[in-house]
Amino acid sequence: SRSPLPQEISDHIVDLLHDKRDALKACCLVSRSWIPRTRKYLFHEVAFDSSDDFEAWYKTFLDPVNSPGCYTRFL
């Protein structure tokens, strides 16, 4: 669903919450249009504890275009 707010306002709200992971996760539930901006912060840095964790990530996001990994800057 589309947010009733202009995208620039929605983006600004998410930007203000950039360091609050729980709030960012909640933002993903507000509107689909908020998801790309929240992923920018939620998946900026991804860490895997084991090769099994990496394998699970890989199997979950087979299509790299739809993977939140495109937002990752640090592994």
PDB file of N, CA and C in Angstrom:
ATOM      1  N   SER A   1       0.831  -1.193   0.000  1.00  0.00           N
ATOM      2  CA  SER A   1       0.000   0.000   0.000  1.00  0.00           C
ATOM      3  C   SER A   1       0.872   1.251   0.000  1.00  0.00           C
ATOM      4  N   ARG A   2       0.363   2.287  -0.574  1.00  0.00           N
ATOM      5  CA  ARG A   2       1.088   3.553  -0.626  1.00  0.00           C
ATOM      6  C   ARG A   2       0.856   4.325   0.651  1.00  0.00           C
ATOM      7  N   SER A   3       1.882   4.983   1.101  1.00  0.00           N
ATOM      8  CA  SER A   3       1.771   5.847   2.264  1.00  0.00           C
ATOM      9  C   SER A   3       1.047   7.125   1.853  1.00  0.00           C
ATOM     10  N   PRO A   4       0.205   7.669   2.732  1.00  0.00           N
ATOM     11  CA  PRO A   4      -0.471   8.924   2.386  1.00  0.00           C
ATOM     12  C   PRO A   4       0.474  10.133   2.420  1.00  0.00           C
ATOM     13  N   LEU A   5       1.672   9.929   2.916  1.00  0.00           N
ATOM     14  CA  LEU A   5       2.660  11.013   2.977  1.00  0.00           C
ATOM     15  C   LEU A   5       3.466  11.078   1.686  1.00  0.00           C
ATOM     16  N   PRO A   6       3.927  12.264   1.304  1.00  0.00           N
ATOM     17  CA  PRO A   6       4.860  12.338   0.170  1.00  0.00           C
ATOM     18  C   PRO A   6       6.127  11.532   0.494  1.00  0.00           C
ATOM     19  N   GLN A   7       6.713  10.912  -0.518  1.00  0.00           N
ATOM     20  CA  GLN A   7       7.880  10.051  -0.310  1.00  0.00           C
ATOM     21  C   GLN A   7       9.019  10.780   0.393  1.00  0.00           C
ATOM     22  N   GLU A   8       9.210  12.060   0.105  1.00  0.00           N
ATOM     23  CA  GLU A   8      10.292  12.820   0.738  1.00  0.00           C
ATOM     24  C   GLU A   8      10.100  12.898   2.253  1.00  0.00           C
ATOM     25  N   ILE A   9       8.857  13.019   2.698  1.00  0.00           N
ATOM     26  CA  ILE A   9       8.571  13.071   4.136  1.00  0.00           C
ATOM     27  C   ILE A   9       8.791  11.700   4.760  1.00  0.00           C
ATOM     28  N   SER A  10       8.316  10.665   4.087  1.00  0.00           N
ATOM     29  CA  SER A  10       8.521   9.300   4.577  1.00  0.00           C
ATOM     30  C   SER A  10      10.016   8.998   4.699  1.00  0.00           C
ATOM     31  N   ASP A  11      10.778   9.347   3.679  1.00  0.00           N
ATOM     32  CA  ASP A  11      12.225   9.127   3.709  1.00  0.00           C
ATOM     33  C   ASP A  11      12.874   9.875   4.865  1.00  0.00           C
ATOM     34  N   HIS A  12      12.442  11.089   5.103  1.00  0.00           N
ATOM     35  CA  HIS A  12      13.011  11.883   6.198  1.00  0.00           C
ATOM     36  C   HIS A  12      12.713  11.230   7.552  1.00  0.00           C
ATOM     37  N   ILE A  13      11.519  10.715   7.722  1.00  0.00           N
ATOM     38  CA  ILE A  13      11.166  10.029   8.971  1.00  0.00           C
ATOM     39  C   ILE A  13      12.089   8.832   9.183  1.00  0.00           C
ATOM     40  N   VAL A  14      12.250   8.032   8.151  1.00  0.00           N
ATOM     41  CA  VAL A  14      13.125   6.860   8.250  1.00  0.00           C
ATOM     42  C   VAL A  14      14.567   7.293   8.517  1.00  0.00           C
ATOM     43  N   ASP A  15      15.023   8.338   7.858  1.00  0.00           N
ATOM     44  CA  ASP A  15      16.384   8.826   8.077  1.00  0.00           C
ATOM     45  C   ASP A  15      16.618   9.215   9.541  1.00  0.00           C
ATOM     46  N   LEU A  16      15.607   9.797  10.161  1.00  0.00           N
ATOM     47  CA  LEU A  16      15.735  10.183  11.569  1.00  0.00           C
ATOM     48  C   LEU A  16      15.870   8.970  12.489  1.00  0.00           C
ATOM     49  N   LEU A  17      15.409   7.830  12.025  1.00  0.00           N
ATOM     50  CA  LEU A  17      15.450   6.604  12.824  1.00  0.00           C
ATOM     51  C   LEU A  17      16.611   5.691  12.435  1.00  0.00           C
ATOM     52  N   HIS A  18      17.575   6.214  11.701  1.00  0.00           N
ATOM     53  CA  HIS A  18      18.642   5.395  11.115  1.00  0.00           C
ATOM     54  C   HIS A  18      19.387   4.504  12.102  1.00  0.00           C
ATOM     55  N   ASP A  19      19.455   4.867  13.366  1.00  0.00           N
ATOM     56  CA  ASP A  19      20.217   4.073  14.337  1.00  0.00           C
ATOM     57  C   ASP A  19      19.321   3.340  15.339  1.00  0.00           C
ATOM     58  N   LYS A  20      18.039   3.215  15.017  1.00  0.00           N
ATOM     59  CA  LYS A  20      17.085   2.540  15.899  1.00  0.00           C
ATOM     60  C   LYS A  20      16.490   1.341  15.160  1.00  0.00           C
ATOM     61  N   ARG A  21      17.181   0.192  15.290  1.00  0.00           N
ATOM     62  CA  ARG A  21      16.822  -0.998  14.510  1.00  0.00           C
ATOM     63  C   ARG A  21      15.374  -1.443  14.713  1.00  0.00           C
ATOM     64  N   ASP A  22      14.909  -1.452  15.956  1.00  0.00           N
ATOM     65  CA  ASP A  22      13.531  -1.893  16.204  1.00  0.00           C
ATOM     66  C   ASP A  22      12.533  -0.971  15.522  1.00  0.00           C
ATOM     67  N   ALA A  23      12.796   0.317  15.564  1.00  0.00           N
ATOM     68  CA  ALA A  23      11.903   1.281  14.904  1.00  0.00           C
ATOM     69  C   ALA A  23      11.947   1.093  13.391  1.00  0.00           C
ATOM     70  N   LEU A  24      13.133   0.828  12.841  1.00  0.00           N
ATOM     71  CA  LEU A  24      13.245   0.602  11.398  1.00  0.00           C
ATOM     72  C   LEU A  24      12.466  -0.644  10.979  1.00  0.00           C
ATOM     73  N   LYS A  25      12.550  -1.683  11.795  1.00  0.00           N
ATOM     74  CA  LYS A  25      11.789  -2.899  11.491  1.00  0.00           C
ATOM     75  C   LYS A  25      10.290  -2.604  11.487  1.00  0.00           C
ATOM     76  N   ALA A  26       9.851  -1.793  12.428  1.00  0.00           N
ATOM     77  CA  ALA A  26       8.438  -1.415  12.475  1.00  0.00           C
ATOM     78  C   ALA A  26       8.059  -0.586  11.253  1.00  0.00           C
ATOM     79  N   CYS A  27       8.973   0.247  10.782  1.00  0.00           N
ATOM     80  CA  CYS A  27       8.698   1.064   9.592  1.00  0.00           C
ATOM     81  C   CYS A  27       8.406   0.192   8.379  1.00  0.00           C
ATOM     82  N   CYS A  28       9.018  -0.975   8.312  1.00  0.00           N
ATOM     83  CA  CYS A  28       8.764  -1.886   7.189  1.00  0.00           C
ATOM     84  C   CYS A  28       7.312  -2.340   7.158  1.00  0.00           C
ATOM     85  N   LEU A  29       6.649  -2.286   8.298  1.00  0.00           N
ATOM     86  CA  LEU A  29       5.250  -2.712   8.373  1.00  0.00           C
ATOM     87  C   LEU A  29       4.272  -1.584   8.076  1.00  0.00           C
ATOM     88  N   VAL A  30       4.769  -0.353   8.046  1.00  0.00           N
ATOM     89  CA  VAL A  30       3.898   0.807   7.824  1.00  0.00           C
ATOM     90  C   VAL A  30       3.391   0.843   6.388  1.00  0.00           C
ATOM     91  N   SER A  31       4.309   0.703   5.459  1.00  0.00           N
ATOM     92  CA  SER A  31       3.943   0.806   4.051  1.00  0.00           C
ATOM     93  C   SER A  31       5.042   0.184   3.206  1.00  0.00           C
ATOM     94  N   ARG A  32       4.665  -0.449   2.121  1.00  0.00           N
ATOM     95  CA  ARG A  32       5.674  -1.022   1.222  1.00  0.00           C
ATOM     96  C   ARG A  32       6.604   0.050   0.687  1.00  0.00           C
ATOM     97  N   SER A  33       6.100   1.248   0.541  1.00  0.00           N
ATOM     98  CA  SER A  33       6.935   2.321   0.003  1.00  0.00           C
ATOM     99  C   SER A  33       8.035   2.731   0.987  1.00  0.00           C
ATOM    100  N   TRP A  34       7.917   2.330   2.252  1.00  0.00           N
ATOM    101  CA  TRP A  34       8.946   2.649   3.249  1.00  0.00           C
ATOM    102  C   TRP A  34      10.072   1.613   3.271  1.00  0.00           C
ATOM    103  N   ILE A  35       9.835   0.452   2.709  1.00  0.00           N
ATOM    104  CA  ILE A  35      10.786  -0.652   2.820  1.00  0.00           C
ATOM    105  C   ILE A  35      12.154  -0.339   2.211  1.00  0.00           C
ATOM    106  N   PRO A  36      12.252   0.169   0.987  1.00  0.00           N
ATOM    107  CA  PRO A  36      13.594   0.425   0.441  1.00  0.00           C
ATOM    108  C   PRO A  36      14.442   1.342   1.323  1.00  0.00           C
ATOM    109  N   ARG A  37      13.841   2.394   1.870  1.00  0.00           N
ATOM    110  CA  ARG A  37      14.611   3.322   2.696  1.00  0.00           C
ATOM    111  C   ARG A  37      15.053   2.654   4.003  1.00  0.00           C
ATOM    112  N   THR A  38      14.191   1.826   4.593  1.00  0.00           N
ATOM    113  CA  THR A  38      14.573   1.155   5.842  1.00  0.00           C
ATOM    114  C   THR A  38      15.671   0.127   5.580  1.00  0.00           C
ATOM    115  N   ARG A  39      15.596  -0.539   4.438  1.00  0.00           N
ATOM    116  CA  ARG A  39      16.637  -1.529   4.116  1.00  0.00           C
ATOM    117  C   ARG A  39      18.007  -0.861   3.983  1.00  0.00           C
ATOM    118  N   LYS A  40      18.015   0.355   3.529  1.00  0.00           N
ATOM    119  CA  LYS A  40      19.278   1.094   3.407  1.00  0.00           C
ATOM    120  C   LYS A  40      20.027   1.090   4.737  1.00  0.00           C
ATOM    121  N   TYR A  41      19.309   1.198   5.833  1.00  0.00           N
ATOM    122  CA  TYR A  41      19.930   1.226   7.164  1.00  0.00           C
ATOM    123  C   TYR A  41      20.007  -0.152   7.807  1.00  0.00           C
ATOM    124  N   LEU A  42      18.969  -0.959   7.638  1.00  0.00           N
ATOM    125  CA  LEU A  42      18.961  -2.280   8.274  1.00  0.00           C
ATOM    126  C   LEU A  42      20.029  -3.205   7.703  1.00  0.00           C
ATOM    127  N   PHE A  43      20.315  -3.083   6.420  1.00  0.00           N
ATOM    128  CA  PHE A  43      21.258  -3.995   5.779  1.00  0.00           C
ATOM    129  C   PHE A  43      22.553  -3.320   5.355  1.00  0.00           C
ATOM    130  N   HIS A  44      22.831  -2.149   5.907  1.00  0.00           N
ATOM    131  CA  HIS A  44      24.071  -1.438   5.595  1.00  0.00           C
ATOM    132  C   HIS A  44      25.286  -2.307   5.924  1.00  0.00           C
ATOM    133  N   GLU A  45      25.207  -2.992   7.049  1.00  0.00           N
ATOM    134  CA  GLU A  45      26.294  -3.875   7.475  1.00  0.00           C
ATOM    135  C   GLU A  45      25.705  -5.237   7.816  1.00  0.00           C
ATOM    136  N   VAL A  46      26.242  -6.273   7.197  1.00  0.00           N
ATOM    137  CA  VAL A  46      25.759  -7.631   7.423  1.00  0.00           C
ATOM    138  C   VAL A  46      26.923  -8.479   7.915  1.00  0.00           C
ATOM    139  N   ALA A  47      26.663  -9.243   8.975  1.00  0.00           N
ATOM    140  CA  ALA A  47      27.688 -10.129   9.525  1.00  0.00           C
ATOM    141  C   ALA A  47      27.127 -11.546   9.599  1.00  0.00           C
ATOM    142  N   PHE A  48      27.946 -12.500   9.244  1.00  0.00           N
ATOM    143  CA  PHE A  48      27.574 -13.912   9.325  1.00  0.00           C
ATOM    144  C   PHE A  48      28.469 -14.568  10.358  1.00  0.00           C
ATOM    145  N   ASP A  49      27.847 -15.339  11.247  1.00  0.00           N
ATOM    146  CA  ASP A  49      28.613 -16.028  12.281  1.00  0.00           C
ATOM    147  C   ASP A  49      29.252 -17.305  11.763  1.00  0.00           C
ATOM    148  N   SER A  50      28.705 -17.838  10.687  1.00  0.00           N
ATOM    149  CA  SER A  50      29.243 -19.088  10.152  1.00  0.00           C
ATOM    150  C   SER A  50      28.948 -19.174   8.658  1.00  0.00           C
ATOM    151  N   SER A  51      29.574 -20.131   8.025  1.00  0.00           N
ATOM    152  CA  SER A  51      29.301 -20.345   6.605  1.00  0.00           C
ATOM    153  C   SER A  51      27.864 -20.841   6.409  1.00  0.00           C
ATOM    154  N   ASP A  52      27.311 -21.518   7.423  1.00  0.00           N
ATOM    155  CA  ASP A  52      25.908 -21.953   7.340  1.00  0.00           C
ATOM    156  C   ASP A  52      24.974 -20.742   7.297  1.00  0.00           C
ATOM    157  N   ASP A  53      25.295 -19.716   8.077  1.00  0.00           N
ATOM    158  CA  ASP A  53      24.488 -18.492   8.061  1.00  0.00           C
ATOM    159  C   ASP A  53      24.536 -17.834   6.681  1.00  0.00           C
ATOM    160  N   PHE A  54      25.724 -17.782   6.099  1.00  0.00           N
ATOM    161  CA  PHE A  54      25.865 -17.213   4.768  1.00  0.00           C
ATOM    162  C   PHE A  54      25.064 -18.034   3.759  1.00  0.00           C
ATOM    163  N   GLU A  55      25.162 -19.343   3.858  1.00  0.00           N
ATOM    164  CA  GLU A  55      24.432 -20.233   2.951  1.00  0.00           C
ATOM    165  C   GLU A  55      22.920 -20.029   3.079  1.00  0.00           C
ATOM    166  N   ALA A  56      22.433 -19.843   4.297  1.00  0.00           N
ATOM    167  CA  ALA A  56      21.000 -19.595   4.517  1.00  0.00           C
ATOM    168  C   ALA A  56      20.582 -18.283   3.867  1.00  0.00           C
ATOM    169  N   TRP A  57      21.407 -17.248   4.008  1.00  0.00           N
ATOM    170  CA  TRP A  57      21.129 -15.949   3.373  1.00  0.00           C
ATOM    171  C   TRP A  57      21.041 -16.128   1.860  1.00  0.00           C
ATOM    172  N   TYR A  58      22.035 -16.814   1.327  1.00  0.00           N
ATOM    173  CA  TYR A  58      22.104 -17.015  -0.117  1.00  0.00           C
ATOM    174  C   TYR A  58      20.873 -17.755  -0.631  1.00  0.00           C
ATOM    175  N   LYS A  59      20.441 -18.791   0.074  1.00  0.00           N
ATOM    176  CA  LYS A  59      19.278 -19.570  -0.338  1.00  0.00           C
ATOM    177  C   LYS A  59      17.982 -18.774  -0.180  1.00  0.00           C
ATOM    178  N   THR A  60      17.932 -17.883   0.789  1.00  0.00           N
ATOM    179  CA  THR A  60      16.728 -17.080   1.014  1.00  0.00           C
ATOM    180  C   THR A  60      16.549 -16.029  -0.064  1.00  0.00           C
ATOM    181  N   PHE A  61      17.654 -15.439  -0.501  1.00  0.00           N
ATOM    182  CA  PHE A  61      17.600 -14.348  -1.476  1.00  0.00           C
ATOM    183  C   PHE A  61      18.290 -14.769  -2.770  1.00  0.00           C
ATOM    184  N   LEU A  62      17.657 -15.690  -3.482  1.00  0.00           N
ATOM    185  CA  LEU A  62      18.239 -16.214  -4.725  1.00  0.00           C
ATOM    186  C   LEU A  62      18.345 -15.169  -5.819  1.00  0.00           C
ATOM    187  N   ASP A  63      17.391 -14.268  -5.868  1.00  0.00           N
ATOM    188  CA  ASP A  63      17.381 -13.227  -6.892  1.00  0.00           C
ATOM    189  C   ASP A  63      18.095 -11.990  -6.349  1.00  0.00           C
ATOM    190  N   PRO A  64      19.309 -11.701  -6.814  1.00  0.00           N
ATOM    191  CA  PRO A  64      20.072 -10.574  -6.264  1.00  0.00           C
ATOM    192  C   PRO A  64      19.379  -9.220  -6.436  1.00  0.00           C
ATOM    193  N   VAL A  65      18.518  -9.098  -7.416  1.00  0.00           N
ATOM    194  CA  VAL A  65      17.815  -7.832  -7.636  1.00  0.00           C
ATOM    195  C   VAL A  65      16.848  -7.545  -6.487  1.00  0.00           C
ATOM    196  N   ASN A  66      16.250  -8.590  -5.921  1.00  0.00           N
ATOM    197  CA  ASN A  66      15.299  -8.429  -4.831  1.00  0.00           C
ATOM    198  C   ASN A  66      15.911  -8.677  -3.467  1.00  0.00           C
ATOM    199  N   SER A  67      17.195  -8.876  -3.428  1.00  0.00           N
ATOM    200  CA  SER A  67      17.877  -9.154  -2.170  1.00  0.00           C
ATOM    201  C   SER A  67      18.206  -7.855  -1.425  1.00  0.00           C
ATOM    202  N   PRO A  68      18.048  -7.859  -0.098  1.00  0.00           N
ATOM    203  CA  PRO A  68      18.475  -6.687   0.661  1.00  0.00           C
ATOM    204  C   PRO A  68      19.994  -6.527   0.633  1.00  0.00           C
ATOM    205  N   GLY A  69      20.691  -7.521   0.097  1.00  0.00           N
ATOM    206  CA  GLY A  69      22.135  -7.424  -0.011  1.00  0.00           C
ATOM    207  C   GLY A  69      22.611  -6.284  -0.888  1.00  0.00           C
ATOM    208  N   CYS A  70      21.754  -5.788  -1.774  1.00  0.00           N
ATOM    209  CA  CYS A  70      22.155  -4.654  -2.617  1.00  0.00           C
ATOM    210  C   CYS A  70      22.355  -3.395  -1.786  1.00  0.00           C
ATOM    211  N   TYR A  71      21.857  -3.392  -0.539  1.00  0.00           N
ATOM    212  CA  TYR A  71      22.043  -2.251   0.357  1.00  0.00           C
ATOM    213  C   TYR A  71      23.267  -2.396   1.242  1.00  0.00           C
ATOM    214  N   THR A  72      23.904  -3.572   1.194  1.00  0.00           N
ATOM    215  CA  THR A  72      25.029  -3.873   2.075  1.00  0.00           C
ATOM    216  C   THR A  72      26.296  -3.178   1.597  1.00  0.00           C
ATOM    217  N   ARG A  73      26.953  -2.507   2.512  1.00  0.00           N
ATOM    218  CA  ARG A  73      28.219  -1.838   2.214  1.00  0.00           C
ATOM    219  C   ARG A  73      29.398  -2.470   2.955  1.00  0.00           C
ATOM    220  N   PHE A  74      29.092  -3.168   4.045  1.00  0.00           N
ATOM    221  CA  PHE A  74      30.134  -3.830   4.845  1.00  0.00           C
ATOM    222  C   PHE A  74      29.697  -5.240   5.193  1.00  0.00           C
ATOM    223  N   LEU A  75      30.581  -6.227   4.930  1.00  0.00           N
ATOM    224  CA  LEU A  75      30.337  -7.604   5.310  1.00  0.00           C
ATOM    225  C   LEU A  75      31.275  -7.987   6.426  1.00  0.00           C
TER     226      LEU A  75
END
